[in-house]
Amino acid sequence: MKIKLDLKILLPALPYLLLTAMIFFILPTLDPNSTMFTLFLLVIIPVYCFICAYLYGIKNGFIWVYPIIIAVVFLPSIFLIIGYKAVIYAIIYGSSAMIGIVIGKIVKNRRDGEE
């Protein structure tokens, strides 16, 4: 089975992914022992991933690789700052993005069906 990624599919995701990468790399500026760091990891980033994927899904539909890329983009932060125990966060962020993009696609399909 050959998986082919088309640039036409990934190009619309680029602004979303770049913004997400910037959010992920704000982490090094926070103290890992602070409350803000924990809030950032547990609330702000998952909500951001969901909203960003939802908006992407409304505009572009479902692209299966988007949540995977979100999880992969977080991996450098894990190994540079947090430690290998935080791999679960990459899964949480990818899952949050998956839920957002699926709901966004459903909304897009309903909206396109009404027009």
Protein backbone atom coordinates (compact mmCIF):
# COMPACT_ATOMS: atom_id res chain seq x y z
CA MET A 1 0.00 0.00 0.00
CA LYS A 2 1.47 3.30 -1.09
CA ILE A 3 0.50 6.48 0.76
CA LYS A 4 0.82 9.61 -1.31
CA LEU A 5 0.60 13.07 0.20
CA ASP A 6 -0.28 15.76 -2.26
CA LEU A 7 1.08 19.26 -1.78
CA LYS A 8 -2.36 20.63 -2.68
CA ILE A 9 -3.70 18.91 0.43
CA LEU A 10 -0.96 20.09 2.79
CA LEU A 11 -0.59 23.67 1.54
CA PRO A 12 -3.88 24.94 3.04
CA ALA A 13 -2.85 23.41 6.39
CA LEU A 14 0.46 25.25 6.49
CA PRO A 15 -0.73 28.43 8.27
CA TYR A 16 -2.54 26.35 10.90
CA LEU A 17 0.49 24.13 11.42
CA LEU A 18 2.92 27.05 11.66
CA LEU A 19 0.77 28.77 14.27
CA THR A 20 0.48 25.51 16.18
CA ALA A 21 4.25 25.05 16.10
CA MET A 22 4.67 28.56 17.51
CA ILE A 23 2.26 27.72 20.34
CA PHE A 24 4.14 24.50 21.08
CA PHE A 25 7.47 26.27 21.19
CA ILE A 26 6.26 28.89 23.65
CA LEU A 27 6.63 26.10 26.21
CA PRO A 28 10.41 26.59 26.61
CA THR A 29 9.76 30.10 27.87
CA LEU A 30 7.68 28.82 30.79
CA ASP A 31 9.04 27.32 33.98
CA PRO A 32 8.18 23.57 33.94
CA ASN A 33 7.30 23.69 37.63
CA SER A 34 4.85 26.57 37.34
CA THR A 35 1.06 26.44 37.39
CA MET A 36 0.97 28.30 34.07
CA PHE A 37 3.01 25.54 32.44
CA THR A 38 0.55 22.89 33.63
CA LEU A 39 -2.43 25.01 32.56
CA PHE A 40 -0.82 25.47 29.16
CA LEU A 41 -0.27 21.71 28.70
CA LEU A 42 -3.63 20.52 30.01
CA VAL A 43 -6.06 23.21 28.86
CA ILE A 44 -4.78 25.86 26.48
CA ILE A 45 -3.00 23.66 23.93
CA PRO A 46 -5.75 20.98 23.63
CA VAL A 47 -8.44 23.66 23.26
CA TYR A 48 -6.30 25.48 20.69
CA CYS A 49 -5.70 22.23 18.74
CA PHE A 50 -9.44 21.52 18.73
CA ILE A 51 -10.44 25.02 17.60
CA CYS A 52 -7.74 25.21 14.94
CA ALA A 53 -8.64 21.77 13.54
CA TYR A 54 -12.35 22.63 13.68
CA LEU A 55 -11.79 25.80 11.63
CA TYR A 56 -9.55 23.89 9.22
CA GLY A 57 -12.20 21.17 8.89
CA ILE A 58 -14.94 23.70 8.14
CA LYS A 59 -12.83 25.30 5.44
CA ASN A 60 -11.12 22.25 3.90
CA GLY A 61 -12.95 19.14 5.06
CA PHE A 62 -11.32 16.10 6.61
CA ILE A 63 -7.61 15.60 5.98
CA TRP A 64 -6.44 12.51 7.89
CA VAL A 65 -2.82 13.59 8.09
CA TYR A 66 -3.53 16.89 9.89
CA PRO A 67 -3.94 15.42 13.42
CA ILE A 68 -0.88 13.25 12.90
CA ILE A 69 1.20 16.27 11.93
CA ILE A 70 -0.08 18.12 15.01
CA ALA A 71 1.15 15.29 17.23
CA VAL A 72 4.51 15.07 15.43
CA VAL A 73 5.08 18.83 15.64
CA PHE A 74 4.84 18.57 19.44
CA LEU A 75 7.50 15.84 19.71
CA PRO A 76 10.55 18.17 19.73
CA SER A 77 9.06 20.02 22.71
CA ILE A 78 8.71 16.75 24.56
CA PHE A 79 12.32 15.78 24.23
CA LEU A 80 13.78 19.28 24.62
CA ILE A 81 11.81 20.49 27.59
CA ILE A 82 9.45 18.13 29.27
CA GLY A 83 10.87 14.64 29.01
CA TYR A 84 9.75 11.40 27.47
CA LYS A 85 6.90 10.96 29.99
CA ALA A 86 5.00 13.70 28.18
CA VAL A 87 4.49 11.65 25.00
CA ILE A 88 0.88 11.25 26.14
CA TYR A 89 0.38 14.96 25.44
CA ALA A 90 1.19 14.44 21.76
CA ILE A 91 -1.53 11.80 21.68
CA ILE A 92 -3.96 14.12 23.47
CA TYR A 93 -3.23 17.00 21.09
CA GLY A 94 -3.53 14.76 18.03
CA SER A 95 -6.82 13.35 19.36
CA SER A 96 -8.12 16.83 20.09
CA ALA A 97 -7.24 17.86 16.54
CA MET A 98 -8.92 14.70 15.17
CA ILE A 99 -12.15 15.46 17.03
CA GLY A 100 -12.05 19.08 15.87
CA ILE A 101 -11.45 18.24 12.22
CA VAL A 102 -14.20 15.59 12.20
CA ILE A 103 -16.72 18.01 13.72
CA GLY A 104 -15.56 20.71 11.30
CA LYS A 105 -16.11 18.35 8.36
CA ILE A 106 -19.61 17.49 9.62
CA VAL A 107 -20.45 21.19 9.86
CA LYS A 108 -18.99 21.78 6.37
CA ASN A 109 -21.06 18.92 4.91
CA ARG A 110 -24.25 20.22 6.52
CA ARG A 111 -23.53 23.76 5.38
CA ASP A 112 -22.74 22.62 1.82
CA GLY A 113 -25.93 20.52 1.84
CA GLU A 114 -28.06 23.55 2.70
CA GLU A 115 -26.69 25.68 -0.12
